[in-house]
Amino acid sequence: MQPTASEIAFAGEIVQLQSVLSQRRAQLDPETVKVVEDNLNVIDMAVKRARAALSKDPASGFLTRQLDNALQKKVDLLRTVALLPAST
């Protein structure tokens, strides 16, 4: 299946924000990193499931919105992490 418009639109920002998370990992509280990673795993699973469903029903507006929402949540979470203060 070809990437959706949202996947293309969010791809660059997700890569950049994941890089920020990787760079900041040592500066953040380990519990915070664990929670973030757990939530990213849940979001990634939702993206995977939405993509799989869309491959079977590519015209579904509902499934497209589900995928879009999951991608937006991923970007929002990564943005939040990028702005967190370093732990002391």
PDB file of N, CA and C in Angstrom:
ATOM      1  N   MET A   1       0.839  -1.183   0.000  1.00  0.00           N
ATOM      2  CA  MET A   1       0.000   0.000   0.000  1.00  0.00           C
ATOM      3  C   MET A   1       0.882   1.244   0.000  1.00  0.00           C
ATOM      4  N   GLN A   2       0.518   2.197  -0.807  1.00  0.00           N
ATOM      5  CA  GLN A   2       1.235   3.471  -0.874  1.00  0.00           C
ATOM      6  C   GLN A   2       0.976   4.269   0.400  1.00  0.00           C
ATOM      7  N   PRO A   3       1.947   5.065   0.844  1.00  0.00           N
ATOM      8  CA  PRO A   3       1.714   5.923   2.018  1.00  0.00           C
ATOM      9  C   PRO A   3       0.570   6.898   1.744  1.00  0.00           C
ATOM     10  N   THR A   4      -0.189   7.186   2.791  1.00  0.00           N
ATOM     11  CA  THR A   4      -1.277   8.150   2.659  1.00  0.00           C
ATOM     12  C   THR A   4      -0.693   9.566   2.680  1.00  0.00           C
ATOM     13  N   ALA A   5      -1.538  10.531   2.343  1.00  0.00           N
ATOM     14  CA  ALA A   5      -1.101  11.932   2.355  1.00  0.00           C
ATOM     15  C   ALA A   5      -0.627  12.332   3.745  1.00  0.00           C
ATOM     16  N   SER A   6      -1.319  11.863   4.776  1.00  0.00           N
ATOM     17  CA  SER A   6      -0.916  12.190   6.151  1.00  0.00           C
ATOM     18  C   SER A   6       0.432  11.571   6.505  1.00  0.00           C
ATOM     19  N   GLU A   7       0.631  10.339   6.087  1.00  0.00           N
ATOM     20  CA  GLU A   7       1.915   9.690   6.365  1.00  0.00           C
ATOM     21  C   GLU A   7       3.055  10.463   5.706  1.00  0.00           C
ATOM     22  N   ILE A   8       2.832  10.894   4.496  1.00  0.00           N
ATOM     23  CA  ILE A   8       3.851  11.674   3.794  1.00  0.00           C
ATOM     24  C   ILE A   8       4.067  13.017   4.493  1.00  0.00           C
ATOM     25  N   ALA A   9       2.966  13.661   4.883  1.00  0.00           N
ATOM     26  CA  ALA A   9       3.049  14.977   5.522  1.00  0.00           C
ATOM     27  C   ALA A   9       3.759  14.912   6.869  1.00  0.00           C
ATOM     28  N   PHE A  10       3.502  13.854   7.632  1.00  0.00           N
ATOM     29  CA  PHE A  10       4.068  13.743   8.984  1.00  0.00           C
ATOM     30  C   PHE A  10       5.452  13.094   9.010  1.00  0.00           C
ATOM     31  N   ALA A  11       5.834  12.402   7.962  1.00  0.00           N
ATOM     32  CA  ALA A  11       7.050  11.582   7.981  1.00  0.00           C
ATOM     33  C   ALA A  11       8.299  12.356   8.380  1.00  0.00           C
ATOM     34  N   GLY A  12       8.538  13.482   7.763  1.00  0.00           N
ATOM     35  CA  GLY A  12       9.743  14.255   8.066  1.00  0.00           C
ATOM     36  C   GLY A  12       9.767  14.749   9.496  1.00  0.00           C
ATOM     37  N   GLU A  13       8.638  15.244   9.964  1.00  0.00           N
ATOM     38  CA  GLU A  13       8.580  15.746  11.337  1.00  0.00           C
ATOM     39  C   GLU A  13       8.753  14.618  12.344  1.00  0.00           C
ATOM     40  N   ILE A  14       8.159  13.457  12.067  1.00  0.00           N
ATOM     41  CA  ILE A  14       8.311  12.319  12.979  1.00  0.00           C
ATOM     42  C   ILE A  14       9.779  11.910  13.071  1.00  0.00           C
ATOM     43  N   VAL A  15      10.457  11.848  11.944  1.00  0.00           N
ATOM     44  CA  VAL A  15      11.884  11.478  11.949  1.00  0.00           C
ATOM     45  C   VAL A  15      12.689  12.489  12.763  1.00  0.00           C
ATOM     46  N   GLN A  16      12.434  13.774  12.553  1.00  0.00           N
ATOM     47  CA  GLN A  16      13.162  14.810  13.300  1.00  0.00           C
ATOM     48  C   GLN A  16      12.889  14.721  14.797  1.00  0.00           C
ATOM     49  N   LEU A  17      11.632  14.546  15.157  1.00  0.00           N
ATOM     50  CA  LEU A  17      11.271  14.497  16.580  1.00  0.00           C
ATOM     51  C   LEU A  17      11.800  13.224  17.242  1.00  0.00           C
ATOM     52  N   GLN A  18      11.825  12.114  16.518  1.00  0.00           N
ATOM     53  CA  GLN A  18      12.405  10.896  17.070  1.00  0.00           C
ATOM     54  C   GLN A  18      13.903  11.070  17.288  1.00  0.00           C
ATOM     55  N   SER A  19      14.545  11.829  16.430  1.00  0.00           N
ATOM     56  CA  SER A  19      15.957  12.130  16.607  1.00  0.00           C
ATOM     57  C   SER A  19      16.175  12.972  17.862  1.00  0.00           C
ATOM     58  N   VAL A  20      15.293  13.936  18.080  1.00  0.00           N
ATOM     59  CA  VAL A  20      15.376  14.758  19.298  1.00  0.00           C
ATOM     60  C   VAL A  20      15.214  13.865  20.533  1.00  0.00           C
ATOM     61  N   LEU A  21      14.247  12.958  20.492  1.00  0.00           N
ATOM     62  CA  LEU A  21      14.047  12.043  21.623  1.00  0.00           C
ATOM     63  C   LEU A  21      15.308  11.216  21.866  1.00  0.00           C
ATOM     64  N   SER A  22      15.901  10.707  20.813  1.00  0.00           N
ATOM     65  CA  SER A  22      17.136   9.916  20.964  1.00  0.00           C
ATOM     66  C   SER A  22      18.254  10.740  21.584  1.00  0.00           C
ATOM     67  N   GLN A  23      18.389  11.979  21.141  1.00  0.00           N
ATOM     68  CA  GLN A  23      19.443  12.849  21.661  1.00  0.00           C
ATOM     69  C   GLN A  23      19.196  13.234  23.119  1.00  0.00           C
ATOM     70  N   ARG A  24      17.940  13.367  23.489  1.00  0.00           N
ATOM     71  CA  ARG A  24      17.601  13.830  24.834  1.00  0.00           C
ATOM     72  C   ARG A  24      17.389  12.702  25.828  1.00  0.00           C
ATOM     73  N   ARG A  25      17.396  11.480  25.372  1.00  0.00           N
ATOM     74  CA  ARG A  25      17.084  10.323  26.219  1.00  0.00           C
ATOM     75  C   ARG A  25      17.835  10.351  27.561  1.00  0.00           C
ATOM     76  N   ALA A  26      19.119  10.635  27.523  1.00  0.00           N
ATOM     77  CA  ALA A  26      19.928  10.639  28.749  1.00  0.00           C
ATOM     78  C   ALA A  26      19.594  11.810  29.668  1.00  0.00           C
ATOM     79  N   GLN A  27      18.988  12.867  29.128  1.00  0.00           N
ATOM     80  CA  GLN A  27      18.639  14.045  29.918  1.00  0.00           C
ATOM     81  C   GLN A  27      17.289  13.906  30.620  1.00  0.00           C
ATOM     82  N   LEU A  28      16.503  12.943  30.178  1.00  0.00           N
ATOM     83  CA  LEU A  28      15.154  12.784  30.707  1.00  0.00           C
ATOM     84  C   LEU A  28      15.109  11.715  31.786  1.00  0.00           C
ATOM     85  N   ASP A  29      14.151  11.856  32.659  1.00  0.00           N
ATOM     86  CA  ASP A  29      13.939  10.861  33.706  1.00  0.00           C
ATOM     87  C   ASP A  29      13.657   9.507  33.048  1.00  0.00           C
ATOM     88  N   PRO A  30      14.295   8.428  33.515  1.00  0.00           N
ATOM     89  CA  PRO A  30      14.090   7.110  32.904  1.00  0.00           C
ATOM     90  C   PRO A  30      12.624   6.663  32.904  1.00  0.00           C
ATOM     91  N   GLU A  31      11.890   7.020  33.942  1.00  0.00           N
ATOM     92  CA  GLU A  31      10.461   6.670  33.982  1.00  0.00           C
ATOM     93  C   GLU A  31       9.695   7.388  32.879  1.00  0.00           C
ATOM     94  N   THR A  32      10.044   8.631  32.648  1.00  0.00           N
ATOM     95  CA  THR A  32       9.401   9.400  31.584  1.00  0.00           C
ATOM     96  C   THR A  32       9.685   8.754  30.238  1.00  0.00           C
ATOM     97  N   VAL A  33      10.927   8.380  30.006  1.00  0.00           N
ATOM     98  CA  VAL A  33      11.310   7.735  28.751  1.00  0.00           C
ATOM     99  C   VAL A  33      10.531   6.439  28.571  1.00  0.00           C
ATOM    100  N   LYS A  34      10.389   5.672  29.647  1.00  0.00           N
ATOM    101  CA  LYS A  34       9.647   4.398  29.580  1.00  0.00           C
ATOM    102  C   LYS A  34       8.194   4.642  29.196  1.00  0.00           C
ATOM    103  N   VAL A  35       7.559   5.627  29.839  1.00  0.00           N
ATOM    104  CA  VAL A  35       6.160   5.942  29.534  1.00  0.00           C
ATOM    105  C   VAL A  35       6.019   6.393  28.084  1.00  0.00           C
ATOM    106  N   VAL A  36       6.925   7.237  27.638  1.00  0.00           N
ATOM    107  CA  VAL A  36       6.887   7.726  26.261  1.00  0.00           C
ATOM    108  C   VAL A  36       7.047   6.563  25.283  1.00  0.00           C
ATOM    109  N   GLU A  37       8.019   5.707  25.524  1.00  0.00           N
ATOM    110  CA  GLU A  37       8.249   4.578  24.623  1.00  0.00           C
ATOM    111  C   GLU A  37       7.056   3.629  24.610  1.00  0.00           C
ATOM    112  N   ASP A  38       6.461   3.376  25.777  1.00  0.00           N
ATOM    113  CA  ASP A  38       5.276   2.519  25.836  1.00  0.00           C
ATOM    114  C   ASP A  38       4.140   3.122  25.012  1.00  0.00           C
ATOM    115  N   ASN A  39       3.939   4.432  25.156  1.00  0.00           N
ATOM    116  CA  ASN A  39       2.874   5.095  24.414  1.00  0.00           C
ATOM    117  C   ASN A  39       3.166   5.121  22.916  1.00  0.00           C
ATOM    118  N   LEU A  40       4.424   5.321  22.552  1.00  0.00           N
ATOM    119  CA  LEU A  40       4.777   5.279  21.130  1.00  0.00           C
ATOM    120  C   LEU A  40       4.517   3.894  20.538  1.00  0.00           C
ATOM    121  N   ASN A  41       4.777   2.851  21.326  1.00  0.00           N
ATOM    122  CA  ASN A  41       4.499   1.489  20.855  1.00  0.00           C
ATOM    123  C   ASN A  41       3.008   1.280  20.615  1.00  0.00           C
ATOM    124  N   VAL A  42       2.177   1.794  21.520  1.00  0.00           N
ATOM    125  CA  VAL A  42       0.721   1.687  21.356  1.00  0.00           C
ATOM    126  C   VAL A  42       0.283   2.440  20.092  1.00  0.00           C
ATOM    127  N   ILE A  43       0.799   3.642  19.922  1.00  0.00           N
ATOM    128  CA  ILE A  43       0.448   4.442  18.746  1.00  0.00           C
ATOM    129  C   ILE A  43       0.921   3.754  17.463  1.00  0.00           C
ATOM    130  N   ASP A  44       2.139   3.226  17.476  1.00  0.00           N
ATOM    131  CA  ASP A  44       2.654   2.537  16.291  1.00  0.00           C
ATOM    132  C   ASP A  44       1.802   1.318  15.938  1.00  0.00           C
ATOM    133  N   MET A  45       1.288   0.625  16.958  1.00  0.00           N
ATOM    134  CA  MET A  45       0.411  -0.516  16.707  1.00  0.00           C
ATOM    135  C   MET A  45      -0.903  -0.038  16.084  1.00  0.00           C
ATOM    136  N   ALA A  46      -1.426   1.081  16.560  1.00  0.00           N
ATOM    137  CA  ALA A  46      -2.651   1.642  15.981  1.00  0.00           C
ATOM    138  C   ALA A  46      -2.423   2.037  14.525  1.00  0.00           C
ATOM    139  N   VAL A  47      -1.281   2.626  14.235  1.00  0.00           N
ATOM    140  CA  VAL A  47      -0.943   2.996  12.851  1.00  0.00           C
ATOM    141  C   VAL A  47      -0.871   1.742  11.987  1.00  0.00           C
ATOM    142  N   LYS A  48      -0.209   0.724  12.488  1.00  0.00           N
ATOM    143  CA  LYS A  48      -0.061  -0.530  11.739  1.00  0.00           C
ATOM    144  C   LYS A  48      -1.428  -1.159  11.442  1.00  0.00           C
ATOM    145  N   ARG A  49      -2.290  -1.180  12.450  1.00  0.00           N
ATOM    146  CA  ARG A  49      -3.623  -1.769  12.262  1.00  0.00           C
ATOM    147  C   ARG A  49      -4.469  -0.948  11.288  1.00  0.00           C
ATOM    148  N   ALA A  50      -4.379   0.370  11.401  1.00  0.00           N
ATOM    149  CA  ALA A  50      -5.141   1.222  10.490  1.00  0.00           C
ATOM    150  C   ALA A  50      -4.657   1.037   9.057  1.00  0.00           C
ATOM    151  N   ARG A  51      -3.350   0.942   8.876  1.00  0.00           N
ATOM    152  CA  ARG A  51      -2.797   0.724   7.524  1.00  0.00           C
ATOM    153  C   ARG A  51      -3.249  -0.620   6.970  1.00  0.00           C
ATOM    154  N   ALA A  52      -3.241  -1.644   7.824  1.00  0.00           N
ATOM    155  CA  ALA A  52      -3.675  -2.971   7.371  1.00  0.00           C
ATOM    156  C   ALA A  52      -5.147  -2.942   6.969  1.00  0.00           C
ATOM    157  N   ALA A  53      -5.969  -2.287   7.756  1.00  0.00           N
ATOM    158  CA  ALA A  53      -7.391  -2.185   7.431  1.00  0.00           C
ATOM    159  C   ALA A  53      -7.595  -1.373   6.155  1.00  0.00           C
ATOM    160  N   LEU A  54      -6.822  -0.296   5.999  1.00  0.00           N
ATOM    161  CA  LEU A  54      -6.931   0.529   4.789  1.00  0.00           C
ATOM    162  C   LEU A  54      -6.499  -0.233   3.537  1.00  0.00           C
ATOM    163  N   SER A  55      -5.579  -1.143   3.691  1.00  0.00           N
ATOM    164  CA  SER A  55      -5.152  -1.917   2.515  1.00  0.00           C
ATOM    165  C   SER A  55      -6.293  -2.797   2.010  1.00  0.00           C
ATOM    166  N   LYS A  56      -7.207  -3.152   2.906  1.00  0.00           N
ATOM    167  CA  LYS A  56      -8.369  -3.961   2.514  1.00  0.00           C
ATOM    168  C   LYS A  56      -9.541  -3.092   2.070  1.00  0.00           C
ATOM    169  N   ASP A  57      -9.581  -1.852   2.542  1.00  0.00           N
ATOM    170  CA  ASP A  57     -10.688  -0.944   2.213  1.00  0.00           C
ATOM    171  C   ASP A  57     -10.127   0.466   2.017  1.00  0.00           C
ATOM    172  N   PRO A  58      -9.391   0.680   0.924  1.00  0.00           N
ATOM    173  CA  PRO A  58      -8.691   1.947   0.727  1.00  0.00           C
ATOM    174  C   PRO A  58      -9.592   3.175   0.581  1.00  0.00           C
ATOM    175  N   ALA A  59     -10.860   2.979   0.314  1.00  0.00           N
ATOM    176  CA  ALA A  59     -11.769   4.119   0.144  1.00  0.00           C
ATOM    177  C   ALA A  59     -12.439   4.545   1.442  1.00  0.00           C
ATOM    178  N   SER A  60     -12.125   3.867   2.537  1.00  0.00           N
ATOM    179  CA  SER A  60     -12.795   4.145   3.809  1.00  0.00           C
ATOM    180  C   SER A  60     -12.328   5.467   4.418  1.00  0.00           C
ATOM    181  N   GLY A  61     -13.240   6.406   4.483  1.00  0.00           N
ATOM    182  CA  GLY A  61     -12.931   7.671   5.140  1.00  0.00           C
ATOM    183  C   GLY A  61     -12.701   7.488   6.622  1.00  0.00           C
ATOM    184  N   PHE A  62     -13.448   6.586   7.238  1.00  0.00           N
ATOM    185  CA  PHE A  62     -13.290   6.309   8.667  1.00  0.00           C
ATOM    186  C   PHE A  62     -11.884   5.805   8.965  1.00  0.00           C
ATOM    187  N   LEU A  63     -11.420   4.829   8.197  1.00  0.00           N
ATOM    188  CA  LEU A  63     -10.081   4.269   8.432  1.00  0.00           C
ATOM    189  C   LEU A  63      -8.989   5.297   8.157  1.00  0.00           C
ATOM    190  N   THR A  64      -9.200   6.113   7.145  1.00  0.00           N
ATOM    191  CA  THR A  64      -8.236   7.177   6.853  1.00  0.00           C
ATOM    192  C   THR A  64      -8.147   8.141   8.023  1.00  0.00           C
ATOM    193  N   ARG A  65      -9.303   8.514   8.592  1.00  0.00           N
ATOM    194  CA  ARG A  65      -9.297   9.414   9.760  1.00  0.00           C
ATOM    195  C   ARG A  65      -8.634   8.745  10.963  1.00  0.00           C
ATOM    196  N   GLN A  66      -8.846   7.452  11.145  1.00  0.00           N
ATOM    197  CA  GLN A  66      -8.204   6.731  12.254  1.00  0.00           C
ATOM    198  C   GLN A  66      -6.685   6.777  12.101  1.00  0.00           C
ATOM    199  N   LEU A  67      -6.215   6.545  10.908  1.00  0.00           N
ATOM    200  CA  LEU A  67      -4.775   6.607  10.651  1.00  0.00           C
ATOM    201  C   LEU A  67      -4.253   8.022  10.874  1.00  0.00           C
ATOM    202  N   ASP A  68      -4.966   9.001  10.348  1.00  0.00           N
ATOM    203  CA  ASP A  68      -4.572  10.397  10.525  1.00  0.00           C
ATOM    204  C   ASP A  68      -4.498  10.756  12.009  1.00  0.00           C
ATOM    205  N   ASN A  69      -5.500  10.331  12.776  1.00  0.00           N
ATOM    206  CA  ASN A  69      -5.529  10.629  14.217  1.00  0.00           C
ATOM    207  C   ASN A  69      -4.363   9.978  14.950  1.00  0.00           C
ATOM    208  N   ALA A  70      -4.056   8.741  14.605  1.00  0.00           N
ATOM    209  CA  ALA A  70      -2.935   8.048  15.249  1.00  0.00           C
ATOM    210  C   ALA A  70      -1.617   8.763  14.935  1.00  0.00           C
ATOM    211  N   LEU A  71      -1.440   9.164  13.689  1.00  0.00           N
ATOM    212  CA  LEU A  71      -0.217   9.882  13.318  1.00  0.00           C
ATOM    213  C   LEU A  71      -0.129  11.230  14.038  1.00  0.00           C
ATOM    214  N   GLN A  72      -1.253  11.921  14.155  1.00  0.00           N
ATOM    215  CA  GLN A  72      -1.265  13.201  14.861  1.00  0.00           C
ATOM    216  C   GLN A  72      -0.907  13.010  16.328  1.00  0.00           C
ATOM    217  N   LYS A  73      -1.413  11.944  16.938  1.00  0.00           N
ATOM    218  CA  LYS A  73      -1.083  11.667  18.343  1.00  0.00           C
ATOM    219  C   LYS A  73       0.409  11.392  18.509  1.00  0.00           C
ATOM    220  N   LYS A  74       0.985  10.690  17.548  1.00  0.00           N
ATOM    221  CA  LYS A  74       2.416  10.408  17.609  1.00  0.00           C
ATOM    222  C   LYS A  74       3.220  11.700  17.540  1.00  0.00           C
ATOM    223  N   VAL A  75       2.863  12.569  16.604  1.00  0.00           N
ATOM    224  CA  VAL A  75       3.551  13.855  16.471  1.00  0.00           C
ATOM    225  C   VAL A  75       3.371  14.684  17.738  1.00  0.00           C
ATOM    226  N   ASP A  76       2.158  14.725  18.264  1.00  0.00           N
ATOM    227  CA  ASP A  76       1.890  15.499  19.481  1.00  0.00           C
ATOM    228  C   ASP A  76       2.729  14.994  20.651  1.00  0.00           C
ATOM    229  N   LEU A  77       2.795  13.677  20.826  1.00  0.00           N
ATOM    230  CA  LEU A  77       3.587  13.113  21.917  1.00  0.00           C
ATOM    231  C   LEU A  77       5.059  13.442  21.738  1.00  0.00           C
ATOM    232  N   LEU A  78       5.570  13.274  20.536  1.00  0.00           N
ATOM    233  CA  LEU A  78       6.986  13.566  20.286  1.00  0.00           C
ATOM    234  C   LEU A  78       7.296  15.053  20.473  1.00  0.00           C
ATOM    235  N   ARG A  79       6.373  15.918  20.078  1.00  0.00           N
ATOM    236  CA  ARG A  79       6.577  17.358  20.304  1.00  0.00           C
ATOM    237  C   ARG A  79       6.636  17.659  21.796  1.00  0.00           C
ATOM    238  N   THR A  80       5.741  17.053  22.548  1.00  0.00           N
ATOM    239  CA  THR A  80       5.721  17.261  23.993  1.00  0.00           C
ATOM    240  C   THR A  80       7.041  16.831  24.617  1.00  0.00           C
ATOM    241  N   VAL A  81       7.538  15.688  24.212  1.00  0.00           N
ATOM    242  CA  VAL A  81       8.805  15.191  24.747  1.00  0.00           C
ATOM    243  C   VAL A  81       9.948  16.125  24.376  1.00  0.00           C
ATOM    244  N   ALA A  82       9.917  16.634  23.173  1.00  0.00           N
ATOM    245  CA  ALA A  82      10.986  17.536  22.723  1.00  0.00           C
ATOM    246  C   ALA A  82      11.044  18.792  23.582  1.00  0.00           C
ATOM    247  N   LEU A  83       9.910  19.184  24.174  1.00  0.00           N
ATOM    248  CA  LEU A  83       9.853  20.405  24.983  1.00  0.00           C
ATOM    249  C   LEU A  83      10.005  20.159  26.474  1.00  0.00           C
ATOM    250  N   LEU A  84      10.105  18.909  26.885  1.00  0.00           N
ATOM    251  CA  LEU A  84      10.240  18.629  28.320  1.00  0.00           C
ATOM    252  C   LEU A  84      11.563  19.150  28.845  1.00  0.00           C
ATOM    253  N   PRO A  85      11.536  19.671  30.077  1.00  0.00           N
ATOM    254  CA  PRO A  85      12.801  20.087  30.682  1.00  0.00           C
ATOM    255  C   PRO A  85      13.649  18.871  31.044  1.00  0.00           C
ATOM    256  N   ALA A  86      14.935  19.046  31.056  1.00  0.00           N
ATOM    257  CA  ALA A  86      15.836  17.975  31.460  1.00  0.00           C
ATOM    258  C   ALA A  86      15.636  17.674  32.936  1.00  0.00           C
ATOM    259  N   SER A  87      15.780  16.398  33.311  1.00  0.00           N
ATOM    260  CA  SER A  87      15.673  16.058  34.729  1.00  0.00           C
ATOM    261  C   SER A  87      16.939  16.498  35.436  1.00  0.00           C
ATOM    262  N   THR A  88      16.802  16.808  36.691  1.00  0.00           N
ATOM    263  CA  THR A  88      17.972  17.283  37.441  1.00  0.00           C
ATOM    264  C   THR A  88      18.416  16.271  38.457  1.00  0.00           C
TER     265      THR A  88
END
